[in-house]
Amino acid sequence: MRKRILLVSLSVTIIGILLFTLLISDIFYRDIVRQANEQLKIYAGFFDPEELAFDEPSALAFSQRLGGARVTFMDAQATILADSFGDLSEQSRGDREEVVSALLDGEGFAVRRSATVGQSMMYYCVRLSQPVNVGGALAENCLLRIGIESSSQTGVFIDALPTMAWFLLLDILCCLIFAWIATNAVLRPVELLTKEVALSGGRPVSSRYAELQPLVKMMNDMTAEIAEKVAHVEEERRMEKLILDSMEHGIVIFRDPNDVILINKTASTLLGCDPNEPIDLFASDHEIADILTAGEAASVYRKIEGRDYNFRFTFRPDSCVLLITDVTESMAAMRSKNDFIANVTHEMNTPLTSIKGFAELIETGAAPPERVQGMARTIIKQSDRLANLIRSIINFSAIDSDELPDYEVNVSELIAELIGSFEPKLRKKNIALQMDIEQGVVVLSRRERLVEILNNLITNGIRYNKDGGRLEISLTGGARPELTVRDTGIGLSEEDKERIFDRFYTVDKSHNGGGGGFGLGLAIVKKLCRRAGWELSVESTLGEGTAFSIRFCPKPEK
């Protein structure tokens, strides 16, 4: 407060002194200009056209007579005929302020900086009413200009600075005395109270001055309120940080890539940067950089460590918000949906086209009698294919709603019962079947679920096997029974391995109806295994074959 009082008093008095000096300087300068104008008019009255001609010697003589003032003779067009400051003949001064006024009104006065002399000058220019001698001939309306050196308004102010400096020194001394008196007489109790508040550590304070009691009460109330608000804010910040760091979505609030306001733990991990550090991705990724430059809401998709993420940018007047969402599952679902639409559409369209075509031929009687029976078989075959497709879709959807209880199923006997139905398909492709089944292997499940799993795995082992290949089925018991179906077929690529259990995904993209499935078999197997808690795995080498293994849960103790 002591410094503030001193600074305020100094500022007020210094500004007053400066304004006063400027005012006095302006008044003094105006008086100088007025006196110079009158003096120049008197100088102009000394010129006698009959005595002096408009030539260089006369200009010099008249200048000496006027004490060294600048004298310029010009004709009626403001062209210089002679100048006492140098040979400026044939130059025009028609654009000068005083000359323009003299040509229009008969006389003119101006204060300006002269480009010829290089300093501030006061000029008075008058149009002579009497003819003058110019080169031996009389000329009318000639111009006489007289100029004298002049101090500028700034120069007058600078001349006053030494006097003003003495006033400033006296002002500083007076302000110091005033500040000392004010602080000791008035502010000392306030300083003592402030120090007590600072050292109180949040405890109530008191003062022996009655005038300060309202202030003491207000401080105590404010201290208690501030302590309560600080505790509340700290709790809110702790909760906000806990919530932000617990979110699976990444959140970044920033002004620019180098000025990050907030970033939660998820975003920090994904972007590879720590809080209070610039985000390199925003500068290195050209598409993101273009979004930040455009300043319009937009989304981009990026793959980080094998997972798909959506980067959603939303702009505010003073900041930008980035929301990072893991869309791996939704992207996979979208791909599965697209595969399903492409697969099922074709699978349904092909048999429907055949059924419709043959049915129309039979209806119109255009089909030869000997081919009607074959057409009917084709219609039945394609109808069965449509029915199988619909059944697969229904089976897949029904798994989630199946709440029937489990019971013990003898897998060894079930495989023996089912394998006979596959013999025609095995003979058709000349596939050798090799079985290594341990007897008495029992798992807790339901018969229809295991039938679905076995049918799908064995069907795939035949469908994607090579002619003359081998199909191996093994079942072992023990603490954790394990089923393995191995073929020597076409095998799987790395891409197929990642998506083989996706819904409606098929390795065979031909959709010719001759051997390709609907892409639901392995998805059903995976769904059933996951529901039962069984471990499903696949091993495959492209061109050599594939092996699917299921490790069942341990048999419950009775």
Protein backbone atom coordinates (compact mmCIF):
# COMPACT_ATOMS: atom_id res chain seq x y z
CA MET A 1 0.00 0.00 0.00
CA ARG A 2 2.89 2.34 0.79
CA LYS A 3 4.29 1.89 -2.69
CA ARG A 4 0.84 2.30 -4.20
CA ILE A 5 0.23 5.60 -2.41
CA LEU A 6 3.66 6.80 -3.48
CA LEU A 7 3.14 5.69 -7.07
CA VAL A 8 -0.37 7.17 -7.27
CA SER A 9 0.70 10.51 -5.86
CA LEU A 10 3.79 10.56 -8.07
CA SER A 11 1.76 9.59 -11.13
CA VAL A 12 -0.86 12.29 -10.52
CA THR A 13 1.65 15.07 -9.92
CA ILE A 14 3.98 14.01 -12.74
CA ILE A 15 1.08 13.87 -15.18
CA GLY A 16 -0.06 17.28 -13.93
CA ILE A 17 3.42 18.72 -14.40
CA LEU A 18 3.73 17.21 -17.87
CA LEU A 19 0.31 18.50 -18.93
CA PHE A 20 1.08 21.91 -17.50
CA THR A 21 4.44 21.98 -19.31
CA LEU A 22 2.79 20.93 -22.56
CA LEU A 23 0.14 23.63 -22.17
CA ILE A 24 2.69 26.35 -21.42
CA SER A 25 4.90 25.15 -24.28
CA ASP A 26 1.94 25.27 -26.66
CA ILE A 27 1.00 28.78 -25.55
CA PHE A 28 4.58 29.95 -25.83
CA TYR A 29 4.97 28.35 -29.23
CA ARG A 30 1.78 29.96 -30.53
CA ASP A 31 3.03 33.32 -29.31
CA ILE A 32 6.35 32.76 -31.13
CA VAL A 33 4.51 31.94 -34.35
CA ARG A 34 2.27 34.99 -34.03
CA GLN A 35 5.24 37.31 -33.41
CA ALA A 36 7.18 35.73 -36.29
CA ASN A 37 4.21 36.28 -38.63
CA GLU A 38 4.05 39.97 -37.70
CA GLN A 39 7.84 40.30 -38.00
CA LEU A 40 7.87 38.74 -41.47
CA LYS A 41 5.12 41.08 -42.64
CA ILE A 42 7.26 44.00 -41.46
CA TYR A 43 10.27 42.54 -43.31
CA ALA A 44 8.18 42.29 -46.47
CA GLY A 45 7.26 45.99 -46.13
CA PHE A 46 10.96 46.92 -46.37
CA PHE A 47 11.16 45.66 -49.95
CA ASP A 48 11.23 48.51 -52.52
CA PRO A 49 10.65 47.39 -56.17
CA GLU A 50 12.17 50.57 -57.48
CA GLU A 51 15.35 50.02 -55.51
CA LEU A 52 15.84 46.26 -55.90
CA ALA A 53 15.44 44.02 -58.93
CA PHE A 54 14.34 40.35 -58.89
CA ASP A 55 17.84 38.82 -59.24
CA GLU A 56 20.43 36.96 -57.17
CA PRO A 57 22.45 40.07 -55.98
CA SER A 58 19.25 41.80 -54.83
CA ALA A 59 18.13 38.67 -52.93
CA LEU A 60 21.47 38.48 -51.12
CA ALA A 61 21.49 42.21 -50.37
CA PHE A 62 17.92 42.15 -49.04
CA SER A 63 18.73 39.05 -46.94
CA GLN A 64 21.72 40.80 -45.33
CA ARG A 65 19.54 43.83 -44.68
CA LEU A 66 17.06 41.56 -42.84
CA GLY A 67 19.74 39.97 -40.68
CA GLY A 68 20.25 36.79 -42.72
CA ALA A 69 16.59 35.88 -43.37
CA ARG A 70 15.97 33.69 -46.39
CA VAL A 71 14.71 35.73 -49.36
CA THR A 72 13.15 34.08 -52.41
CA PHE A 73 11.97 35.87 -55.61
CA MET A 74 9.37 34.01 -57.72
CA ASP A 75 7.38 34.92 -60.81
CA ALA A 76 3.61 34.75 -61.11
CA GLN A 77 3.81 30.97 -61.76
CA ALA A 78 5.77 30.36 -58.50
CA THR A 79 8.99 29.59 -60.41
CA ILE A 80 12.08 30.69 -58.45
CA LEU A 81 13.96 33.59 -60.03
CA ALA A 82 16.47 34.02 -57.20
CA ASP A 83 17.10 32.68 -53.66
CA SER A 84 19.52 33.98 -51.03
CA PHE A 85 20.24 30.39 -49.80
CA GLY A 86 21.52 29.05 -53.11
CA ASP A 87 20.97 28.78 -56.83
CA LEU A 88 17.45 27.35 -57.09
CA SER A 89 16.52 29.08 -60.36
CA GLU A 90 13.89 27.50 -62.58
CA GLN A 91 12.56 25.39 -59.67
CA SER A 92 8.87 25.66 -58.84
CA ARG A 93 7.42 26.18 -55.38
CA GLY A 94 3.79 26.16 -56.42
CA ASP A 95 3.00 23.28 -54.05
CA ARG A 96 4.18 25.04 -50.88
CA GLU A 97 1.45 26.03 -48.44
CA GLU A 98 2.45 29.70 -48.15
CA VAL A 99 2.89 30.05 -51.93
CA VAL A 100 -0.53 28.52 -52.67
CA SER A 101 -2.17 30.97 -50.22
CA ALA A 102 -0.30 33.92 -51.74
CA LEU A 103 -1.41 32.99 -55.26
CA LEU A 104 -5.05 32.71 -54.11
CA ASP A 105 -5.36 35.39 -51.40
CA GLY A 106 -2.37 37.67 -51.96
CA GLU A 107 -0.39 36.48 -48.91
CA GLY A 108 0.35 33.30 -47.06
CA PHE A 109 2.07 32.08 -43.90
CA ALA A 110 3.33 28.59 -43.03
CA VAL A 111 5.48 26.83 -40.46
CA ARG A 112 7.12 23.65 -41.76
CA ARG A 113 10.36 21.81 -42.17
CA SER A 114 12.24 22.98 -45.27
CA ALA A 115 13.65 20.24 -47.48
CA THR A 116 16.21 22.70 -48.90
CA VAL A 117 17.49 24.05 -45.58
CA GLY A 118 16.89 20.86 -43.58
CA GLN A 119 15.31 22.52 -40.53
CA SER A 120 12.06 24.07 -39.31
CA MET A 121 11.26 27.42 -40.99
CA MET A 122 8.56 30.11 -40.84
CA TYR A 123 7.66 31.48 -44.25
CA TYR A 124 5.70 34.57 -45.28
CA CYS A 125 4.87 34.94 -48.96
CA VAL A 126 3.22 38.04 -50.53
CA ARG A 127 2.10 38.83 -54.06
CA LEU A 128 3.54 42.25 -55.06
CA SER A 129 1.04 44.73 -56.39
CA GLN A 130 3.73 46.76 -58.21
CA PRO A 131 5.66 45.53 -61.26
CA VAL A 132 9.29 44.58 -60.61
CA ASN A 133 12.42 44.46 -62.75
CA VAL A 134 13.05 40.93 -63.94
CA GLY A 135 16.01 40.68 -66.31
CA GLY A 136 15.55 44.23 -67.58
CA ALA A 137 11.79 43.85 -68.11
CA LEU A 138 8.88 44.69 -65.83
CA ALA A 139 6.82 41.76 -64.54
CA GLU A 140 3.58 41.88 -62.55
CA ASN A 141 2.12 39.66 -59.80
CA CYS A 142 5.55 38.43 -58.76
CA LEU A 143 5.95 36.72 -55.39
CA LEU A 144 8.26 37.68 -52.53
CA ARG A 145 8.89 35.03 -49.85
CA ILE A 146 10.81 35.64 -46.63
CA GLY A 147 11.73 32.84 -44.23
CA ILE A 148 13.38 32.70 -40.82
CA GLU A 149 14.49 29.77 -38.72
CA SER A 150 12.04 28.61 -36.10
CA SER A 151 11.99 26.21 -33.19
CA SER A 152 9.43 23.41 -33.48
CA GLN A 153 6.76 22.81 -30.85
CA THR A 154 8.78 19.78 -29.68
CA GLY A 155 11.89 21.94 -29.41
CA VAL A 156 10.07 24.43 -27.21
CA PHE A 157 8.94 21.54 -24.97
CA ILE A 158 12.50 20.15 -24.79
CA ASP A 159 13.80 23.58 -23.79
CA ALA A 160 11.39 23.50 -20.86
CA LEU A 161 12.53 20.06 -19.63
CA PRO A 162 15.38 21.27 -17.32
CA THR A 163 12.95 23.45 -15.40
CA MET A 164 10.43 20.64 -15.30
CA ALA A 165 13.10 18.26 -13.90
CA TRP A 166 13.57 20.48 -10.85
CA PHE A 167 9.83 20.43 -10.25
CA LEU A 168 9.84 16.63 -10.53
CA LEU A 169 12.58 16.24 -7.95
CA LEU A 170 10.66 18.45 -5.55
CA ASP A 171 7.50 16.48 -6.33
CA ILE A 172 9.18 13.14 -5.52
CA LEU A 173 10.39 14.47 -2.18
CA CYS A 174 6.92 15.72 -1.26
CA CYS A 175 5.32 12.42 -2.30
CA LEU A 176 7.77 10.42 -0.17
CA ILE A 177 6.92 12.50 2.88
CA PHE A 178 3.19 12.16 2.21
CA ALA A 179 3.43 8.37 1.69
CA TRP A 180 5.37 7.93 4.93
CA ILE A 181 2.84 9.95 6.92
CA ALA A 182 -0.16 8.15 5.32
CA THR A 183 1.17 4.64 5.84
CA ASN A 184 2.29 5.18 9.42
CA ALA A 185 -0.81 7.03 10.53
CA VAL A 186 -3.50 5.19 8.55
CA LEU A 187 -2.23 1.93 7.05
CA ARG A 188 -0.17 0.56 9.91
CA PRO A 189 -3.17 -1.07 11.66
CA VAL A 190 -4.28 -2.59 8.36
CA GLU A 191 -0.78 -3.98 7.77
CA LEU A 192 -0.75 -5.55 11.23
CA LEU A 193 -4.18 -7.11 10.60
CA THR A 194 -3.04 -8.43 7.22
CA LYS A 195 0.05 -10.00 8.74
CA GLU A 196 -2.08 -11.63 11.46
CA VAL A 197 -4.42 -13.07 8.81
CA ALA A 198 -1.45 -14.38 6.81
CA LEU A 199 -0.02 -16.15 9.88
CA SER A 200 -3.35 -17.38 11.22
CA GLY A 201 -3.43 -20.55 9.13
CA GLY A 202 -7.17 -20.27 8.61
CA ARG A 203 -7.94 -19.50 12.28
CA PRO A 204 -10.15 -16.52 13.25
CA VAL A 205 -8.32 -13.18 13.74
CA SER A 206 -9.07 -10.09 15.85
CA SER A 207 -8.12 -6.38 16.06
CA ARG A 208 -8.11 -3.79 18.88
CA TYR A 209 -9.26 -1.07 16.48
CA ALA A 210 -13.03 -0.64 16.46
CA GLU A 211 -12.95 0.73 12.92
CA LEU A 212 -11.49 -2.54 11.67
CA GLN A 213 -14.02 -4.84 13.37
CA PRO A 214 -16.31 -5.09 10.31
CA LEU A 215 -13.27 -5.94 8.21
CA VAL A 216 -12.15 -8.56 10.75
CA LYS A 217 -15.58 -10.20 10.71
CA MET A 218 -15.66 -10.19 6.91
CA MET A 219 -12.15 -11.75 6.76
CA ASN A 220 -13.08 -14.48 9.20
CA ASP A 221 -16.25 -15.28 7.26
CA MET A 222 -14.34 -15.27 3.97
CA THR A 223 -11.62 -17.52 5.41
CA ALA A 224 -14.18 -20.08 6.51
CA GLU A 225 -16.04 -19.89 3.18
CA ILE A 226 -12.82 -20.17 1.18
CA ALA A 227 -11.67 -23.19 3.17
CA GLU A 228 -15.01 -24.88 2.52
CA LYS A 229 -14.91 -24.07 -1.20
CA VAL A 230 -11.30 -25.22 -1.54
CA ALA A 231 -12.16 -28.54 0.04
CA HIS A 232 -15.17 -28.86 -2.26
CA VAL A 233 -13.14 -27.96 -5.35
CA GLU A 234 -10.38 -30.39 -4.44
CA GLU A 235 -12.94 -33.16 -3.99
CA GLU A 236 -14.55 -32.32 -7.33
CA ARG A 237 -11.16 -32.28 -9.06
CA ARG A 238 -10.29 -35.62 -7.50
CA MET A 239 -13.59 -37.09 -8.68
CA GLU A 240 -13.22 -35.57 -12.16
CA LYS A 241 -9.72 -36.97 -12.50
CA LEU A 242 -10.90 -40.36 -11.27
CA ILE A 243 -13.80 -40.37 -13.75
CA LEU A 244 -11.70 -39.15 -16.69
CA ASP A 245 -8.92 -41.64 -16.03
CA SER A 246 -11.45 -44.46 -15.62
CA MET A 247 -13.17 -43.77 -18.94
CA GLU A 248 -12.53 -46.16 -21.81
CA HIS A 249 -12.82 -43.21 -24.18
CA GLY A 250 -9.92 -40.82 -24.68
CA ILE A 251 -10.59 -37.10 -24.13
CA VAL A 252 -8.27 -34.25 -25.12
CA ILE A 253 -9.04 -30.54 -24.75
CA PHE A 254 -6.50 -28.24 -26.38
CA ARG A 255 -6.04 -24.81 -27.91
CA ASP A 256 -3.40 -25.98 -30.39
CA PRO A 257 -1.16 -29.09 -30.66
CA ASN A 258 1.38 -27.46 -28.32
CA ASP A 259 -1.16 -26.15 -25.78
CA VAL A 260 -3.03 -29.09 -24.25
CA ILE A 261 -5.48 -28.05 -21.54
CA LEU A 262 -6.63 -31.53 -20.46
CA ILE A 263 -5.88 -35.12 -21.45
CA ASN A 264 -7.07 -38.23 -19.65
CA LYS A 265 -5.10 -41.43 -19.10
CA THR A 266 -6.67 -43.33 -22.02
CA ALA A 267 -5.88 -40.60 -24.56
CA SER A 268 -2.38 -40.15 -23.15
CA THR A 269 -1.68 -43.86 -23.62
CA LEU A 270 -3.14 -44.02 -27.15
CA LEU A 271 -1.41 -40.86 -28.39
CA GLY A 272 1.87 -41.66 -26.69
CA CYS A 273 2.23 -38.36 -24.87
CA ASP A 274 2.20 -37.20 -21.27
CA PRO A 275 0.11 -34.33 -19.84
CA ASN A 276 1.54 -30.85 -20.54
CA GLU A 277 3.37 -32.18 -23.60
CA PRO A 278 2.64 -31.32 -27.28
CA ILE A 279 0.79 -33.97 -29.32
CA ASP A 280 3.04 -34.93 -32.24
CA LEU A 281 0.26 -36.82 -34.07
CA PHE A 282 -1.64 -33.57 -34.71
CA ALA A 283 1.30 -32.23 -36.72
CA SER A 284 2.54 -35.44 -38.36
CA ASP A 285 -0.88 -36.66 -39.54
CA HIS A 286 -1.75 -34.48 -42.55
CA GLU A 287 -5.48 -35.29 -42.49
CA ILE A 288 -5.78 -34.32 -38.82
CA ALA A 289 -3.68 -31.20 -39.45
CA ASP A 290 -6.09 -30.19 -42.24
CA ILE A 291 -9.07 -30.68 -39.88
CA LEU A 292 -7.45 -28.46 -37.25
CA THR A 293 -6.73 -25.81 -39.90
CA ALA A 294 -10.31 -25.89 -41.24
CA GLY A 295 -11.78 -25.60 -37.73
CA GLU A 296 -14.90 -27.60 -38.59
CA ALA A 297 -16.24 -30.66 -36.75
CA ALA A 298 -15.02 -33.87 -38.36
CA SER A 299 -14.19 -37.52 -37.67
CA VAL A 300 -11.33 -39.74 -38.81
CA TYR A 301 -10.53 -43.39 -38.17
CA ARG A 302 -7.09 -44.57 -37.12
CA LYS A 303 -5.67 -48.00 -36.24
CA ILE A 304 -3.53 -48.10 -33.10
CA GLU A 305 -1.86 -51.33 -31.97
CA GLY A 306 -4.22 -53.41 -34.11
CA ARG A 307 -7.44 -51.75 -32.90
CA ASP A 308 -9.70 -49.25 -34.70
CA TYR A 309 -10.39 -45.85 -33.12
CA ASN A 310 -12.66 -42.97 -34.10
CA PHE A 311 -11.16 -39.50 -33.63
CA ARG A 312 -14.02 -36.98 -33.31
CA PHE A 313 -12.99 -33.29 -33.34
CA THR A 314 -15.40 -30.65 -32.01
CA PHE A 315 -14.43 -26.98 -32.08
CA ARG A 316 -15.28 -24.25 -29.59
CA PRO A 317 -14.46 -20.52 -29.82
CA ASP A 318 -11.42 -20.86 -27.58
CA SER A 319 -10.57 -24.58 -27.69
CA CYS A 320 -10.98 -27.90 -29.46
CA VAL A 321 -12.27 -31.17 -27.98
CA LEU A 322 -11.09 -34.56 -29.24
CA LEU A 323 -13.06 -37.69 -28.30
CA ILE A 324 -11.29 -40.99 -29.04
CA THR A 325 -13.61 -44.01 -29.17
CA ASP A 326 -12.64 -47.65 -29.59
CA VAL A 327 -14.76 -48.83 -32.53
CA THR A 328 -12.99 -52.13 -33.13
CA GLU A 329 -16.07 -54.21 -32.32
CA SER A 330 -18.44 -51.96 -34.26
CA MET A 331 -16.10 -51.92 -37.27
CA ALA A 332 -15.83 -55.71 -37.08
CA ALA A 333 -19.61 -55.92 -36.84
CA MET A 334 -19.92 -53.64 -39.85
CA ARG A 335 -17.54 -55.82 -41.83
CA SER A 336 -19.47 -58.92 -40.75
CA LYS A 337 -22.71 -57.24 -41.74
CA ASN A 338 -21.32 -56.34 -45.15
CA ASP A 339 -20.08 -59.90 -45.61
CA PHE A 340 -23.47 -61.19 -44.54
CA ILE A 341 -25.34 -58.95 -46.98
CA ALA A 342 -23.04 -59.91 -49.86
CA ASN A 343 -23.05 -63.62 -48.96
CA VAL A 344 -26.68 -64.13 -48.04
CA THR A 345 -27.93 -61.97 -50.91
CA HIS A 346 -26.04 -64.12 -53.38
CA GLU A 347 -26.85 -67.35 -51.59
CA MET A 348 -30.56 -66.56 -51.63
CA ASN A 349 -30.61 -65.03 -55.11
CA THR A 350 -29.01 -68.04 -56.84
CA PRO A 351 -31.48 -70.69 -55.66
CA LEU A 352 -34.43 -68.33 -55.98
CA THR A 353 -33.47 -67.59 -59.57
CA SER A 354 -33.25 -71.32 -60.33
CA ILE A 355 -36.54 -72.08 -58.56
CA LYS A 356 -38.37 -69.23 -60.31
CA GLY A 357 -36.94 -70.08 -63.71
CA PHE A 358 -37.76 -73.79 -63.62
CA ALA A 359 -41.18 -73.12 -62.07
CA GLU A 360 -42.06 -70.70 -64.90
CA LEU A 361 -40.99 -73.25 -67.51
CA ILE A 362 -43.16 -75.94 -65.89
CA GLU A 363 -46.12 -73.53 -65.52
CA THR A 364 -46.07 -72.45 -69.15
CA GLY A 365 -45.60 -76.00 -70.40
CA ALA A 366 -42.44 -75.02 -72.24
CA ALA A 367 -40.36 -77.62 -70.40
CA PRO A 368 -39.87 -80.93 -72.21
CA PRO A 369 -41.63 -83.77 -70.33
CA GLU A 370 -38.43 -85.74 -70.00
CA ARG A 371 -36.78 -82.77 -68.14
CA VAL A 372 -39.62 -81.95 -65.77
CA GLN A 373 -38.45 -84.46 -63.17
CA GLY A 374 -34.89 -83.06 -63.28
CA MET A 375 -36.20 -79.51 -62.91
CA ALA A 376 -38.26 -80.61 -59.93
CA ARG A 377 -35.16 -82.12 -58.31
CA THR A 378 -33.30 -78.84 -58.86
CA ILE A 379 -36.16 -76.88 -57.29
CA ILE A 380 -36.14 -79.22 -54.28
CA LYS A 381 -32.33 -78.97 -53.97
CA GLN A 382 -32.34 -75.17 -54.10
CA SER A 383 -35.27 -75.05 -51.67
CA ASP A 384 -33.29 -77.19 -49.24
CA ARG A 385 -30.35 -74.80 -49.60
CA LEU A 386 -32.59 -71.85 -48.72
CA ALA A 387 -34.02 -73.78 -45.79
CA ASN A 388 -30.50 -74.57 -44.52
CA LEU A 389 -29.54 -70.93 -44.75
CA ILE A 390 -32.59 -69.83 -42.79
CA ARG A 391 -32.02 -72.61 -40.24
CA SER A 392 -28.39 -71.49 -39.71
CA ILE A 393 -29.46 -67.92 -39.09
CA ILE A 394 -32.19 -69.02 -36.67
CA ASN A 395 -29.80 -71.35 -34.83
CA PHE A 396 -27.25 -68.58 -34.39
CA SER A 397 -29.84 -66.14 -33.03
CA ALA A 398 -31.41 -68.75 -30.76
CA ILE A 399 -28.18 -69.47 -28.85
CA ASP A 400 -28.51 -66.33 -26.69
CA SER A 401 -32.06 -67.19 -25.66
CA ASP A 402 -31.30 -70.83 -24.83
CA GLU A 403 -31.71 -71.10 -21.04
CA LEU A 404 -32.26 -74.87 -20.83
CA PRO A 405 -30.20 -76.66 -18.14
CA ASP A 406 -27.05 -78.61 -19.00
CA TYR A 407 -26.57 -82.32 -18.44
CA GLU A 408 -23.82 -84.89 -18.98
CA VAL A 409 -23.28 -85.89 -22.62
CA ASN A 410 -21.05 -88.77 -23.73
CA VAL A 411 -19.04 -87.15 -26.52
CA SER A 412 -17.39 -90.43 -27.54
CA GLU A 413 -20.74 -92.06 -28.32
CA LEU A 414 -22.06 -88.90 -30.00
CA ILE A 415 -19.13 -88.81 -32.47
CA ALA A 416 -19.67 -92.50 -33.30
CA GLU A 417 -23.35 -91.80 -34.03
CA LEU A 418 -22.73 -88.73 -36.21
CA ILE A 419 -19.76 -89.90 -38.29
CA GLY A 420 -21.87 -92.31 -40.34
CA SER A 421 -23.88 -89.45 -41.86
CA PHE A 422 -20.69 -88.00 -43.35
CA GLU A 423 -19.56 -91.16 -45.18
CA PRO A 424 -21.16 -90.19 -48.54
CA LYS A 425 -19.36 -86.83 -48.52
CA LEU A 426 -16.07 -88.50 -47.54
CA ARG A 427 -16.35 -91.02 -50.38
CA LYS A 428 -17.30 -88.29 -52.87
CA LYS A 429 -13.99 -86.45 -52.27
CA ASN A 430 -12.04 -89.64 -51.54
CA ILE A 431 -11.05 -88.40 -48.08
CA ALA A 432 -9.48 -90.85 -45.64
CA LEU A 433 -11.00 -90.67 -42.15
CA GLN A 434 -8.73 -91.29 -39.16
CA MET A 435 -10.30 -91.39 -35.69
CA ASP A 436 -8.62 -91.55 -32.30
CA ILE A 437 -11.51 -91.44 -29.84
CA GLU A 438 -11.05 -92.20 -26.17
CA GLN A 439 -14.11 -93.96 -24.84
CA GLY A 440 -16.25 -92.67 -22.01
CA VAL A 441 -15.44 -88.97 -22.39
CA VAL A 442 -18.30 -87.03 -20.78
CA VAL A 443 -18.81 -83.23 -20.71
CA LEU A 444 -21.49 -81.06 -19.13
CA SER A 445 -23.55 -79.51 -21.95
CA ARG A 446 -26.54 -80.34 -24.13
CA ARG A 447 -26.66 -82.90 -26.93
CA GLU A 448 -27.99 -80.45 -29.57
CA ARG A 449 -25.17 -77.99 -28.84
CA LEU A 450 -22.45 -80.60 -29.26
CA VAL A 451 -24.16 -81.93 -32.41
CA GLU A 452 -24.08 -78.39 -33.84
CA ILE A 453 -20.36 -78.05 -33.02
CA LEU A 454 -19.39 -81.46 -34.41
CA ASN A 455 -21.45 -81.02 -37.59
CA ASN A 456 -19.86 -77.66 -38.34
CA LEU A 457 -16.25 -78.71 -37.62
CA ILE A 458 -16.50 -82.01 -39.57
CA THR A 459 -18.39 -80.34 -42.45
CA ASN A 460 -15.67 -77.69 -42.75
CA GLY A 461 -12.99 -80.40 -42.58
CA ILE A 462 -14.60 -82.09 -45.60
CA ARG A 463 -15.67 -78.97 -47.51
CA TYR A 464 -12.26 -77.28 -47.50
CA ASN A 465 -10.22 -80.49 -47.80
CA LYS A 466 -8.45 -81.65 -50.93
CA ASP A 467 -9.58 -84.56 -53.06
CA GLY A 468 -7.75 -87.59 -51.70
CA GLY A 469 -6.95 -85.76 -48.46
CA ARG A 470 -7.19 -86.89 -44.83
CA LEU A 471 -9.52 -85.96 -41.98
CA GLU A 472 -8.41 -86.69 -38.39
CA ILE A 473 -10.77 -86.61 -35.40
CA SER A 474 -9.29 -87.09 -31.94
CA LEU A 475 -10.85 -86.96 -28.47
CA THR A 476 -8.95 -87.25 -25.20
CA GLY A 477 -10.30 -87.39 -21.69
CA GLY A 478 -8.58 -86.54 -18.44
CA ALA A 479 -9.03 -83.47 -16.24
CA ARG A 480 -9.85 -81.33 -19.25
CA PRO A 481 -11.18 -83.28 -22.25
CA GLU A 482 -10.04 -82.03 -25.65
CA LEU A 483 -11.54 -82.46 -29.13
CA THR A 484 -9.44 -81.88 -32.28
CA VAL A 485 -10.63 -81.94 -35.92
CA ARG A 486 -7.68 -81.75 -38.34
CA ASP A 487 -7.76 -81.71 -42.15
CA THR A 488 -5.18 -81.58 -44.93
CA GLY A 489 -7.07 -78.97 -46.94
CA ILE A 490 -6.45 -75.50 -48.31
CA GLY A 491 -5.45 -73.98 -44.97
CA LEU A 492 -5.97 -70.39 -43.82
CA SER A 493 -4.13 -67.14 -44.55
CA GLU A 494 -3.24 -64.75 -41.72
CA GLU A 495 -6.20 -62.54 -42.67
CA ASP A 496 -8.57 -65.52 -42.59
CA LYS A 497 -7.24 -66.60 -39.16
CA GLU A 498 -8.24 -63.23 -37.70
CA ARG A 499 -11.77 -63.32 -39.14
CA ILE A 500 -12.62 -67.01 -39.48
CA PHE A 501 -14.96 -66.90 -36.46
CA ASP A 502 -16.74 -63.71 -37.58
CA ARG A 503 -20.37 -64.02 -38.52
CA PHE A 504 -21.08 -64.54 -42.23
CA TYR A 505 -17.38 -64.63 -43.10
CA THR A 506 -16.40 -67.38 -45.56
CA VAL A 507 -13.02 -68.40 -46.87
CA ASP A 508 -14.60 -69.49 -50.16
CA LYS A 509 -15.95 -66.32 -51.84
CA SER A 510 -17.30 -68.12 -54.93
CA HIS A 511 -20.89 -68.50 -53.60
CA ASN A 512 -21.48 -71.10 -56.28
CA GLY A 513 -23.54 -73.27 -54.01
CA GLY A 514 -21.37 -76.26 -54.67
CA GLY A 515 -19.44 -76.38 -51.47
CA GLY A 516 -19.24 -72.98 -49.83
CA GLY A 517 -21.13 -72.39 -46.61
CA PHE A 518 -22.96 -69.38 -45.28
CA GLY A 519 -20.25 -68.16 -42.93
CA LEU A 520 -22.24 -68.99 -39.78
CA GLY A 521 -20.89 -72.43 -38.86
CA LEU A 522 -17.70 -71.38 -37.08
CA ALA A 523 -19.43 -68.33 -35.63
CA ILE A 524 -21.97 -70.68 -34.02
CA VAL A 525 -19.13 -72.92 -32.74
CA LYS A 526 -17.37 -69.92 -31.20
CA LYS A 527 -20.56 -68.62 -29.64
CA LEU A 528 -21.41 -71.99 -28.09
CA CYS A 529 -17.85 -72.44 -26.75
CA ARG A 530 -17.76 -68.97 -25.27
CA ARG A 531 -21.17 -69.53 -23.63
CA ALA A 532 -19.98 -72.79 -22.09
CA GLY A 533 -16.55 -71.44 -21.08
CA TRP A 534 -14.63 -73.78 -23.41
CA GLU A 535 -11.32 -72.83 -25.05
CA LEU A 536 -11.54 -72.75 -28.86
CA SER A 537 -8.32 -72.46 -30.90
CA VAL A 538 -7.21 -72.88 -34.49
CA GLU A 539 -3.87 -73.83 -36.05
CA SER A 540 -3.44 -73.58 -39.80
CA THR A 541 -0.82 -73.35 -42.54
CA LEU A 542 -1.89 -72.06 -45.93
CA GLY A 543 -1.96 -74.93 -48.42
CA GLU A 544 -1.30 -77.62 -45.80
CA GLY A 545 -4.37 -77.84 -43.62
CA THR A 546 -6.22 -76.63 -40.53
CA ALA A 547 -6.83 -77.99 -37.02
CA PHE A 548 -9.65 -76.79 -34.70
CA SER A 549 -9.34 -77.71 -31.01
CA ILE A 550 -11.80 -77.39 -28.15
CA ARG A 551 -10.73 -77.80 -24.52
CA PHE A 552 -13.81 -78.57 -22.45
CA CYS A 553 -14.27 -77.47 -18.86
CA PRO A 554 -13.24 -79.98 -16.17
CA LYS A 555 -15.90 -82.51 -15.32
CA PRO A 556 -17.73 -81.41 -12.16
CA GLU A 557 -17.21 -83.57 -9.08
CA LYS A 558 -20.21 -85.51 -7.86
